[in-house]
Amino acid sequence: MAPATRRRTDHRETPAARRRFPAVSFAAWIGSSSALVLLFIFGPLANVVLSPDPHVFLETLQDKEVLRSIGLSMSTSGGAALIALVFGTPLAYLLARRDFPGKRLLESIIDLPIMIPHPVVGIALLSIAGRNHWIGDALRHLGVALMGSVTGIVTVLVFVGMPFFVDAVKAGFESVPARLENVSRSLGAPPGATFFRITLPLSWRHLLVGFIMCMARALSEFGAIIIVAYHPMVAPVLMYERFTAYGLTYSQPVAVMLIVVSMLFFLFLRIVSQPKRNAT
């Protein structure tokens, strides 16, 4: 009788042992961890926004060099995103709709600019644009210069921003059922008409998200640009120069302006990426 009683007692104690980590503790862990992460991200940014001297900040807002650098950042980032839209969309569609040998390797190569240190990107671009490379010789024959030019800046931004565009648009094309395209083709529509009348309208939101992601990533680039084109200065390079020359006092206002622009980008991204809810 004693062994049987012991076994029943152990069986009755098992559920109590499983309740040693109650739901309230789990909720506290979720809440405290989330609060720490938000504080870690928001705290330093909020301190940067609130730190600049108001007089210096107003001077910075009227500084033509600062406004020119931010305008150059916006225009080159937008140009890079537009190039990604034109040339990255067909690649994203190919990856979404076709399986072929080496596809995983190709996807890894496309995502490689996300992982490698970005000064390496600048060095790689300069190495093929140099005098000892046939691509560099061809570019010089055409009158195209990458070093210290807007063309070089845009080239760098396309390189670092393209993976974000391709990945976002690829996910959008994959969300469109292939059977809809098959039905369109069975009714006599050519592939191009099917893409522009069926696939593109159903995935336009992902294209817009990819465009914004590419432009936002390009806007923040520093490491590769400083190697390829220190001048003309984009906003991150100007902020770095002012920090090394004058310290935090004159670099913080530029940082605040970049934070505001980035926040607007991602706020717009969240708005356009959220599906509309049908009224009930």
C-alpha atoms as a PDB file:
ATOM      1  CA  MET A   1       0.000   0.000   0.000  1.00  0.00           C
ATOM      2  CA  ALA A   2       2.789   2.413   0.792  1.00  0.00           C
ATOM      3  CA  PRO A   3       4.384   2.356  -2.710  1.00  0.00           C
ATOM      4  CA  ALA A   4       1.012   2.856  -4.415  1.00  0.00           C
ATOM      5  CA  THR A   5       0.203   5.749  -2.110  1.00  0.00           C
ATOM      6  CA  ARG A   6       3.570   7.347  -2.860  1.00  0.00           C
ATOM      7  CA  ARG A   7       3.008   7.054  -6.596  1.00  0.00           C
ATOM      8  CA  ARG A   8      -0.419   8.686  -6.355  1.00  0.00           C
ATOM      9  CA  THR A   9       1.007  11.479  -4.232  1.00  0.00           C
ATOM     10  CA  ASP A  10       3.780  12.160  -6.749  1.00  0.00           C
ATOM     11  CA  HIS A  11       1.197  12.228  -9.528  1.00  0.00           C
ATOM     12  CA  ARG A  12      -0.894  14.764  -7.629  1.00  0.00           C
ATOM     13  CA  GLU A  13       2.152  17.023  -7.060  1.00  0.00           C
ATOM     14  CA  THR A  14       3.159  17.189 -10.724  1.00  0.00           C
ATOM     15  CA  PRO A  15       0.591  19.853 -11.826  1.00  0.00           C
ATOM     16  CA  ALA A  16       1.576  22.036  -8.873  1.00  0.00           C
ATOM     17  CA  ALA A  17       5.225  21.827  -9.934  1.00  0.00           C
ATOM     18  CA  ARG A  18       4.274  22.938 -13.407  1.00  0.00           C
ATOM     19  CA  ARG A  19       2.580  26.027 -11.950  1.00  0.00           C
ATOM     20  CA  ARG A  20       5.732  27.327 -10.267  1.00  0.00           C
ATOM     21  CA  PHE A  21       6.020  29.869 -13.123  1.00  0.00           C
ATOM     22  CA  PRO A  22       2.581  31.490 -12.963  1.00  0.00           C
ATOM     23  CA  ALA A  23       0.995  33.502 -15.729  1.00  0.00           C
ATOM     24  CA  VAL A  24       1.525  36.751 -13.862  1.00  0.00           C
ATOM     25  CA  SER A  25       5.300  36.165 -13.854  1.00  0.00           C
ATOM     26  CA  PHE A  26       5.286  35.473 -17.579  1.00  0.00           C
ATOM     27  CA  ALA A  27       3.335  38.673 -18.223  1.00  0.00           C
ATOM     28  CA  ALA A  28       5.790  40.595 -16.053  1.00  0.00           C
ATOM     29  CA  TRP A  29       8.707  39.156 -18.016  1.00  0.00           C
ATOM     30  CA  ILE A  30       7.104  40.154 -21.339  1.00  0.00           C
ATOM     31  CA  GLY A  31       6.281  43.651 -20.118  1.00  0.00           C
ATOM     32  CA  SER A  32       9.647  44.366 -18.500  1.00  0.00           C
ATOM     33  CA  SER A  33      11.643  43.027 -21.464  1.00  0.00           C
ATOM     34  CA  SER A  34       9.593  45.049 -23.930  1.00  0.00           C
ATOM     35  CA  ALA A  35       9.986  48.181 -21.820  1.00  0.00           C
ATOM     36  CA  LEU A  36      13.767  47.702 -21.642  1.00  0.00           C
ATOM     37  CA  VAL A  37      14.057  47.272 -25.409  1.00  0.00           C
ATOM     38  CA  LEU A  38      11.951  50.369 -26.072  1.00  0.00           C
ATOM     39  CA  LEU A  39      13.935  52.354 -23.516  1.00  0.00           C
ATOM     40  CA  PHE A  40      17.202  51.182 -25.062  1.00  0.00           C
ATOM     41  CA  ILE A  41      16.096  52.397 -28.510  1.00  0.00           C
ATOM     42  CA  PHE A  42      14.076  55.456 -27.602  1.00  0.00           C
ATOM     43  CA  GLY A  43      16.225  56.760 -24.743  1.00  0.00           C
ATOM     44  CA  PRO A  44      19.372  57.727 -26.679  1.00  0.00           C
ATOM     45  CA  LEU A  45      17.355  59.066 -29.625  1.00  0.00           C
ATOM     46  CA  ALA A  46      15.162  61.178 -27.365  1.00  0.00           C
ATOM     47  CA  ASN A  47      18.253  62.512 -25.621  1.00  0.00           C
ATOM     48  CA  VAL A  48      19.764  63.516 -28.975  1.00  0.00           C
ATOM     49  CA  VAL A  49      16.557  65.270 -30.013  1.00  0.00           C
ATOM     50  CA  LEU A  50      16.295  67.213 -26.742  1.00  0.00           C
ATOM     51  CA  SER A  51      19.995  68.024 -26.309  1.00  0.00           C
ATOM     52  CA  PRO A  52      20.806  70.632 -29.014  1.00  0.00           C
ATOM     53  CA  ASP A  53      20.969  74.250 -28.006  1.00  0.00           C
ATOM     54  CA  PRO A  54      17.901  76.012 -29.516  1.00  0.00           C
ATOM     55  CA  HIS A  55      20.010  78.857 -30.899  1.00  0.00           C
ATOM     56  CA  VAL A  56      22.466  76.469 -32.573  1.00  0.00           C
ATOM     57  CA  PHE A  57      19.593  74.352 -33.878  1.00  0.00           C
ATOM     58  CA  LEU A  58      17.929  77.364 -35.517  1.00  0.00           C
ATOM     59  CA  GLU A  59      21.257  78.317 -37.076  1.00  0.00           C
ATOM     60  CA  THR A  60      21.605  74.796 -38.430  1.00  0.00           C
ATOM     61  CA  LEU A  61      18.126  74.910 -39.946  1.00  0.00           C
ATOM     62  CA  GLN A  62      19.214  77.993 -41.887  1.00  0.00           C
ATOM     63  CA  ASP A  63      22.652  76.640 -42.817  1.00  0.00           C
ATOM     64  CA  LYS A  64      22.772  76.287 -46.606  1.00  0.00           C
ATOM     65  CA  GLU A  65      25.447  73.598 -46.422  1.00  0.00           C
ATOM     66  CA  VAL A  66      23.288  71.466 -44.139  1.00  0.00           C
ATOM     67  CA  LEU A  67      20.187  71.938 -46.273  1.00  0.00           C
ATOM     68  CA  ARG A  68      22.204  71.140 -49.393  1.00  0.00           C
ATOM     69  CA  SER A  69      23.568  67.940 -47.861  1.00  0.00           C
ATOM     70  CA  ILE A  70      20.114  66.776 -46.749  1.00  0.00           C
ATOM     71  CA  GLY A  71      18.720  67.593 -50.183  1.00  0.00           C
ATOM     72  CA  LEU A  72      21.562  65.603 -51.779  1.00  0.00           C
ATOM     73  CA  SER A  73      20.851  62.672 -49.451  1.00  0.00           C
ATOM     74  CA  MET A  74      17.165  62.728 -50.344  1.00  0.00           C
ATOM     75  CA  SER A  75      17.709  63.033 -54.090  1.00  0.00           C
ATOM     76  CA  THR A  76      20.408  60.364 -54.324  1.00  0.00           C
ATOM     77  CA  SER A  77      18.433  57.996 -52.072  1.00  0.00           C
ATOM     78  CA  GLY A  78      15.315  58.529 -54.184  1.00  0.00           C
ATOM     79  CA  GLY A  79      17.332  57.956 -57.357  1.00  0.00           C
ATOM     80  CA  ALA A  80      18.767  54.745 -55.944  1.00  0.00           C
ATOM     81  CA  ALA A  81      15.292  53.517 -54.971  1.00  0.00           C
ATOM     82  CA  LEU A  82      13.988  54.332 -58.450  1.00  0.00           C
ATOM     83  CA  ILE A  83      16.816  52.347 -60.052  1.00  0.00           C
ATOM     84  CA  ALA A  84      16.038  49.464 -57.695  1.00  0.00           C
ATOM     85  CA  LEU A  85      12.373  49.681 -58.730  1.00  0.00           C
ATOM     86  CA  VAL A  86      13.196  49.451 -62.430  1.00  0.00           C
ATOM     87  CA  PHE A  87      15.854  46.742 -62.300  1.00  0.00           C
ATOM     88  CA  GLY A  88      14.989  44.919 -59.075  1.00  0.00           C
ATOM     89  CA  THR A  89      11.319  44.240 -59.823  1.00  0.00           C
ATOM     90  CA  PRO A  90      11.991  41.723 -62.653  1.00  0.00           C
ATOM     91  CA  LEU A  91      14.575  39.963 -60.472  1.00  0.00           C
ATOM     92  CA  ALA A  92      12.144  39.774 -57.545  1.00  0.00           C
ATOM     93  CA  TYR A  93       9.472  38.314 -59.835  1.00  0.00           C
ATOM     94  CA  LEU A  94      11.918  35.721 -61.172  1.00  0.00           C
ATOM     95  CA  LEU A  95      12.847  34.634 -57.655  1.00  0.00           C
ATOM     96  CA  ALA A  96       9.197  34.497 -56.577  1.00  0.00           C
ATOM     97  CA  ARG A  97       7.875  32.490 -59.503  1.00  0.00           C
ATOM     98  CA  ARG A  98      10.727  30.274 -60.717  1.00  0.00           C
ATOM     99  CA  ASP A  99      12.764  27.460 -59.204  1.00  0.00           C
ATOM    100  CA  PHE A 100      16.111  26.807 -60.845  1.00  0.00           C
ATOM    101  CA  PRO A 101      19.510  25.396 -59.932  1.00  0.00           C
ATOM    102  CA  GLY A 102      21.520  27.837 -57.861  1.00  0.00           C
ATOM    103  CA  LYS A 103      18.509  29.877 -56.729  1.00  0.00           C
ATOM    104  CA  ARG A 104      19.521  29.759 -53.050  1.00  0.00           C
ATOM    105  CA  LEU A 105      23.039  30.829 -53.964  1.00  0.00           C
ATOM    106  CA  LEU A 106      21.663  33.724 -56.005  1.00  0.00           C
ATOM    107  CA  GLU A 107      19.444  34.833 -53.108  1.00  0.00           C
ATOM    108  CA  SER A 108      22.461  34.710 -50.790  1.00  0.00           C
ATOM    109  CA  ILE A 109      24.488  36.875 -53.177  1.00  0.00           C
ATOM    110  CA  ILE A 110      21.655  39.424 -53.375  1.00  0.00           C
ATOM    111  CA  ASP A 111      21.501  39.642 -49.568  1.00  0.00           C
ATOM    112  CA  LEU A 112      25.283  39.832 -49.179  1.00  0.00           C
ATOM    113  CA  PRO A 113      25.413  43.685 -49.058  1.00  0.00           C
ATOM    114  CA  ILE A 114      23.312  43.503 -45.886  1.00  0.00           C
ATOM    115  CA  MET A 115      25.958  41.448 -44.092  1.00  0.00           C
ATOM    116  CA  ILE A 116      29.354  42.658 -45.256  1.00  0.00           C
ATOM    117  CA  PRO A 117      30.951  45.763 -43.661  1.00  0.00           C
ATOM    118  CA  HIS A 118      30.060  48.706 -45.839  1.00  0.00           C
ATOM    119  CA  PRO A 119      33.583  50.094 -46.147  1.00  0.00           C
ATOM    120  CA  VAL A 120      34.224  46.853 -48.000  1.00  0.00           C
ATOM    121  CA  VAL A 121      31.506  47.927 -50.446  1.00  0.00           C
ATOM    122  CA  GLY A 122      33.317  51.183 -51.106  1.00  0.00           C
ATOM    123  CA  ILE A 123      36.647  49.429 -51.598  1.00  0.00           C
ATOM    124  CA  ALA A 124      35.046  46.865 -53.928  1.00  0.00           C
ATOM    125  CA  LEU A 125      33.454  49.559 -56.089  1.00  0.00           C
ATOM    126  CA  LEU A 126      36.657  51.565 -56.264  1.00  0.00           C
ATOM    127  CA  SER A 127      38.627  48.459 -57.213  1.00  0.00           C
ATOM    128  CA  ILE A 128      36.546  47.883 -60.346  1.00  0.00           C
ATOM    129  CA  ALA A 129      36.447  51.583 -61.190  1.00  0.00           C
ATOM    130  CA  GLY A 130      40.197  52.018 -60.945  1.00  0.00           C
ATOM    131  CA  ARG A 131      42.712  52.440 -63.721  1.00  0.00           C
ATOM    132  CA  ASN A 132      43.800  48.815 -63.655  1.00  0.00           C
ATOM    133  CA  HIS A 133      40.338  47.375 -64.365  1.00  0.00           C
ATOM    134  CA  TRP A 134      38.590  47.161 -67.707  1.00  0.00           C
ATOM    135  CA  ILE A 135      35.318  48.440 -66.216  1.00  0.00           C
ATOM    136  CA  GLY A 136      37.096  51.520 -64.916  1.00  0.00           C
ATOM    137  CA  ASP A 137      38.683  52.088 -68.320  1.00  0.00           C
ATOM    138  CA  ALA A 138      35.284  51.748 -70.003  1.00  0.00           C
ATOM    139  CA  LEU A 139      33.683  54.196 -67.563  1.00  0.00           C
ATOM    140  CA  ARG A 140      36.409  56.761 -68.140  1.00  0.00           C
ATOM    141  CA  HIS A 141      36.013  56.321 -71.901  1.00  0.00           C
ATOM    142  CA  LEU A 142      32.319  57.149 -71.449  1.00  0.00           C
ATOM    143  CA  GLY A 143      33.129  60.126 -69.225  1.00  0.00           C
ATOM    144  CA  VAL A 144      31.649  58.522 -66.086  1.00  0.00           C
ATOM    145  CA  ALA A 145      33.474  59.087 -62.787  1.00  0.00           C
ATOM    146  CA  LEU A 146      32.588  57.311 -59.537  1.00  0.00           C
ATOM    147  CA  MET A 147      35.207  58.804 -57.253  1.00  0.00           C
ATOM    148  CA  GLY A 148      33.977  62.034 -55.664  1.00  0.00           C
ATOM    149  CA  SER A 149      30.780  62.315 -57.713  1.00  0.00           C
ATOM    150  CA  VAL A 150      27.024  62.072 -57.353  1.00  0.00           C
ATOM    151  CA  THR A 151      27.159  59.078 -59.701  1.00  0.00           C
ATOM    152  CA  GLY A 152      29.426  57.305 -57.230  1.00  0.00           C
ATOM    153  CA  ILE A 153      27.062  58.090 -54.365  1.00  0.00           C
ATOM    154  CA  VAL A 154      24.055  56.724 -56.234  1.00  0.00           C
ATOM    155  CA  THR A 155      26.020  53.603 -57.206  1.00  0.00           C
ATOM    156  CA  VAL A 156      26.848  52.943 -53.568  1.00  0.00           C
ATOM    157  CA  LEU A 157      23.250  53.513 -52.471  1.00  0.00           C
ATOM    158  CA  VAL A 158      21.877  51.140 -55.099  1.00  0.00           C
ATOM    159  CA  PHE A 159      24.353  48.509 -53.935  1.00  0.00           C
ATOM    160  CA  VAL A 160      23.363  48.709 -50.252  1.00  0.00           C
ATOM    161  CA  GLY A 161      19.631  49.302 -50.833  1.00  0.00           C
ATOM    162  CA  MET A 162      18.849  46.764 -53.544  1.00  0.00           C
ATOM    163  CA  PRO A 163      18.541  43.735 -51.189  1.00  0.00           C
ATOM    164  CA  PHE A 164      15.866  45.468 -49.122  1.00  0.00           C
ATOM    165  CA  PHE A 165      13.823  46.245 -52.222  1.00  0.00           C
ATOM    166  CA  VAL A 166      14.163  42.796 -53.778  1.00  0.00           C
ATOM    167  CA  ASP A 167      13.283  40.950 -50.566  1.00  0.00           C
ATOM    168  CA  ALA A 168      10.180  43.072 -49.921  1.00  0.00           C
ATOM    169  CA  VAL A 169       8.893  42.847 -53.501  1.00  0.00           C
ATOM    170  CA  LYS A 170       9.652  39.123 -53.714  1.00  0.00           C
ATOM    171  CA  ALA A 171       7.449  38.561 -50.649  1.00  0.00           C
ATOM    172  CA  GLY A 172       4.706  40.577 -52.343  1.00  0.00           C
ATOM    173  CA  PHE A 173       4.807  38.527 -55.535  1.00  0.00           C
ATOM    174  CA  GLU A 174       4.781  35.311 -53.523  1.00  0.00           C
ATOM    175  CA  SER A 175       1.607  36.480 -51.762  1.00  0.00           C
ATOM    176  CA  VAL A 176      -0.243  36.616 -55.094  1.00  0.00           C
ATOM    177  CA  PRO A 177      -1.657  33.144 -55.911  1.00  0.00           C
ATOM    178  CA  ALA A 178      -0.061  31.749 -59.046  1.00  0.00           C
ATOM    179  CA  ARG A 179      -3.423  30.332 -60.102  1.00  0.00           C
ATOM    180  CA  LEU A 180      -4.670  33.853 -60.818  1.00  0.00           C
ATOM    181  CA  GLU A 181      -1.861  34.307 -63.312  1.00  0.00           C
ATOM    182  CA  ASN A 182      -2.584  30.873 -64.783  1.00  0.00           C
ATOM    183  CA  VAL A 183      -6.239  31.791 -65.276  1.00  0.00           C
ATOM    184  CA  SER A 184      -5.250  35.015 -67.004  1.00  0.00           C
ATOM    185  CA  ARG A 185      -2.848  33.168 -69.279  1.00  0.00           C
ATOM    186  CA  SER A 186      -5.472  30.512 -70.067  1.00  0.00           C
ATOM    187  CA  LEU A 187      -7.819  33.282 -71.217  1.00  0.00           C
ATOM    188  CA  GLY A 188      -5.267  34.405 -73.766  1.00  0.00           C
ATOM    189  CA  ALA A 189      -3.475  37.230 -71.930  1.00  0.00           C
ATOM    190  CA  PRO A 190       0.267  37.419 -72.653  1.00  0.00           C
ATOM    191  CA  PRO A 191       2.756  37.289 -69.748  1.00  0.00           C
ATOM    192  CA  GLY A 192       3.321  41.044 -69.763  1.00  0.00           C
ATOM    193  CA  ALA A 193      -0.372  41.865 -69.651  1.00  0.00           C
ATOM    194  CA  THR A 194      -0.890  39.321 -66.875  1.00  0.00           C
ATOM    195  CA  PHE A 195       1.881  40.895 -64.825  1.00  0.00           C
ATOM    196  CA  PHE A 196       0.661  44.481 -65.206  1.00  0.00           C
ATOM    197  CA  ARG A 197      -3.065  43.716 -64.890  1.00  0.00           C
ATOM    198  CA  ILE A 198      -3.060  40.974 -62.244  1.00  0.00           C
ATOM    199  CA  THR A 199       0.199  40.613 -60.325  1.00  0.00           C
ATOM    200  CA  LEU A 200       1.265  44.225 -60.030  1.00  0.00           C
ATOM    201  CA  PRO A 201      -2.085  45.637 -58.810  1.00  0.00           C
ATOM    202  CA  LEU A 202      -2.263  42.921 -56.144  1.00  0.00           C
ATOM    203  CA  SER A 203       1.284  43.521 -54.895  1.00  0.00           C
ATOM    204  CA  TRP A 204       1.682  47.289 -55.306  1.00  0.00           C
ATOM    205  CA  ARG A 205       1.823  47.775 -51.552  1.00  0.00           C
ATOM    206  CA  HIS A 206       4.932  45.611 -51.308  1.00  0.00           C
ATOM    207  CA  LEU A 207       6.567  47.553 -54.128  1.00  0.00           C
ATOM    208  CA  LEU A 208       5.935  50.784 -52.253  1.00  0.00           C
ATOM    209  CA  VAL A 209       7.282  49.273 -49.027  1.00  0.00           C
ATOM    210  CA  GLY A 210      10.359  48.029 -50.873  1.00  0.00           C
ATOM    211  CA  PHE A 211      10.867  51.468 -52.411  1.00  0.00           C
ATOM    212  CA  ILE A 212      10.668  53.162 -49.009  1.00  0.00           C
ATOM    213  CA  MET A 213      12.906  50.553 -47.357  1.00  0.00           C
ATOM    214  CA  CYS A 214      15.520  50.947 -50.077  1.00  0.00           C
ATOM    215  CA  MET A 215      15.393  54.743 -49.861  1.00  0.00           C
ATOM    216  CA  ALA A 216      15.532  54.730 -46.065  1.00  0.00           C
ATOM    217  CA  ARG A 217      18.518  52.382 -46.036  1.00  0.00           C
ATOM    218  CA  ALA A 218      20.261  54.487 -48.664  1.00  0.00           C
ATOM    219  CA  LEU A 219      19.581  57.632 -46.659  1.00  0.00           C
ATOM    220  CA  SER A 220      21.490  56.252 -43.676  1.00  0.00           C
ATOM    221  CA  GLU A 221      24.551  54.982 -45.567  1.00  0.00           C
ATOM    222  CA  PHE A 222      27.912  56.293 -44.412  1.00  0.00           C
ATOM    223  CA  GLY A 223      30.701  53.707 -44.500  1.00  0.00           C
ATOM    224  CA  ALA A 224      30.820  53.107 -48.239  1.00  0.00           C
ATOM    225  CA  ILE A 225      30.085  56.700 -49.247  1.00  0.00           C
ATOM    226  CA  ILE A 226      32.960  58.116 -47.226  1.00  0.00           C
ATOM    227  CA  ILE A 227      35.354  55.950 -49.255  1.00  0.00           C
ATOM    228  CA  VAL A 228      33.846  56.498 -52.691  1.00  0.00           C
ATOM    229  CA  ALA A 229      32.696  60.123 -52.460  1.00  0.00           C
ATOM    230  CA  TYR A 230      33.555  62.208 -49.387  1.00  0.00           C
ATOM    231  CA  HIS A 231      32.583  65.202 -51.504  1.00  0.00           C
ATOM    232  CA  PRO A 232      29.910  66.230 -52.372  1.00  0.00           C
ATOM    233  CA  MET A 233      28.780  65.644 -48.798  1.00  0.00           C
ATOM    234  CA  VAL A 234      25.603  63.796 -47.995  1.00  0.00           C
ATOM    235  CA  ALA A 235      24.034  64.410 -44.585  1.00  0.00           C
ATOM    236  CA  PRO A 236      25.710  61.518 -42.663  1.00  0.00           C
ATOM    237  CA  VAL A 237      29.144  62.552 -43.930  1.00  0.00           C
ATOM    238  CA  LEU A 238      28.489  66.196 -43.046  1.00  0.00           C
ATOM    239  CA  MET A 239      27.404  65.172 -39.559  1.00  0.00           C
ATOM    240  CA  TYR A 240      30.597  63.148 -39.134  1.00  0.00           C
ATOM    241  CA  GLU A 241      32.749  66.045 -40.320  1.00  0.00           C
ATOM    242  CA  ARG A 242      31.069  68.483 -37.932  1.00  0.00           C
ATOM    243  CA  PHE A 243      31.483  66.047 -35.068  1.00  0.00           C
ATOM    244  CA  THR A 244      35.226  65.639 -35.709  1.00  0.00           C
ATOM    245  CA  ALA A 245      35.699  69.387 -36.176  1.00  0.00           C
ATOM    246  CA  TYR A 246      33.334  70.927 -33.605  1.00  0.00           C
ATOM    247  CA  GLY A 247      32.081  68.101 -31.359  1.00  0.00           C
ATOM    248  CA  LEU A 248      28.538  67.363 -30.304  1.00  0.00           C
ATOM    249  CA  THR A 249      27.329  70.951 -30.262  1.00  0.00           C
ATOM    250  CA  TYR A 250      27.207  71.349 -34.033  1.00  0.00           C
ATOM    251  CA  SER A 251      26.726  67.697 -35.005  1.00  0.00           C
ATOM    252  CA  GLN A 252      23.644  67.041 -32.855  1.00  0.00           C
ATOM    253  CA  PRO A 253      21.316  69.379 -34.823  1.00  0.00           C
ATOM    254  CA  VAL A 254      22.154  67.516 -38.035  1.00  0.00           C
ATOM    255  CA  ALA A 255      21.513  64.232 -36.216  1.00  0.00           C
ATOM    256  CA  VAL A 256      18.107  65.520 -35.080  1.00  0.00           C
ATOM    257  CA  MET A 257      17.153  66.396 -38.633  1.00  0.00           C
ATOM    258  CA  LEU A 258      18.161  62.918 -39.833  1.00  0.00           C
ATOM    259  CA  ILE A 259      16.201  61.275 -37.016  1.00  0.00           C
ATOM    260  CA  VAL A 260      13.078  63.239 -37.951  1.00  0.00           C
ATOM    261  CA  VAL A 261      13.419  62.356 -41.635  1.00  0.00           C
ATOM    262  CA  SER A 262      13.958  58.662 -40.822  1.00  0.00           C
ATOM    263  CA  MET A 263      10.986  58.664 -38.456  1.00  0.00           C
ATOM    264  CA  LEU A 264       8.762  60.115 -41.154  1.00  0.00           C
ATOM    265  CA  PHE A 265       9.960  57.456 -43.585  1.00  0.00           C
ATOM    266  CA  PHE A 266       9.131  54.572 -41.294  1.00  0.00           C
ATOM    267  CA  LEU A 267       5.872  56.090 -40.107  1.00  0.00           C
ATOM    268  CA  PHE A 268       4.794  56.297 -43.732  1.00  0.00           C
ATOM    269  CA  LEU A 269       6.040  52.729 -44.202  1.00  0.00           C
ATOM    270  CA  ARG A 270       3.842  51.453 -41.378  1.00  0.00           C
ATOM    271  CA  ILE A 271       0.812  53.320 -42.735  1.00  0.00           C
ATOM    272  CA  VAL A 272       1.087  52.030 -46.301  1.00  0.00           C
ATOM    273  CA  SER A 273       2.017  48.476 -45.283  1.00  0.00           C
ATOM    274  CA  GLN A 274      -1.037  48.040 -43.071  1.00  0.00           C
ATOM    275  CA  PRO A 275      -3.904  46.455 -44.999  1.00  0.00           C
ATOM    276  CA  LYS A 276      -7.154  48.352 -44.972  1.00  0.00           C
ATOM    277  CA  ARG A 277      -9.929  46.875 -42.858  1.00  0.00           C
ATOM    278  CA  ASN A 278     -13.287  46.474 -44.436  1.00  0.00           C
ATOM    279  CA  ALA A 279     -16.061  48.257 -42.636  1.00  0.00           C
ATOM    280  CA  THR A 280     -18.556  45.927 -40.997  1.00  0.00           C
END
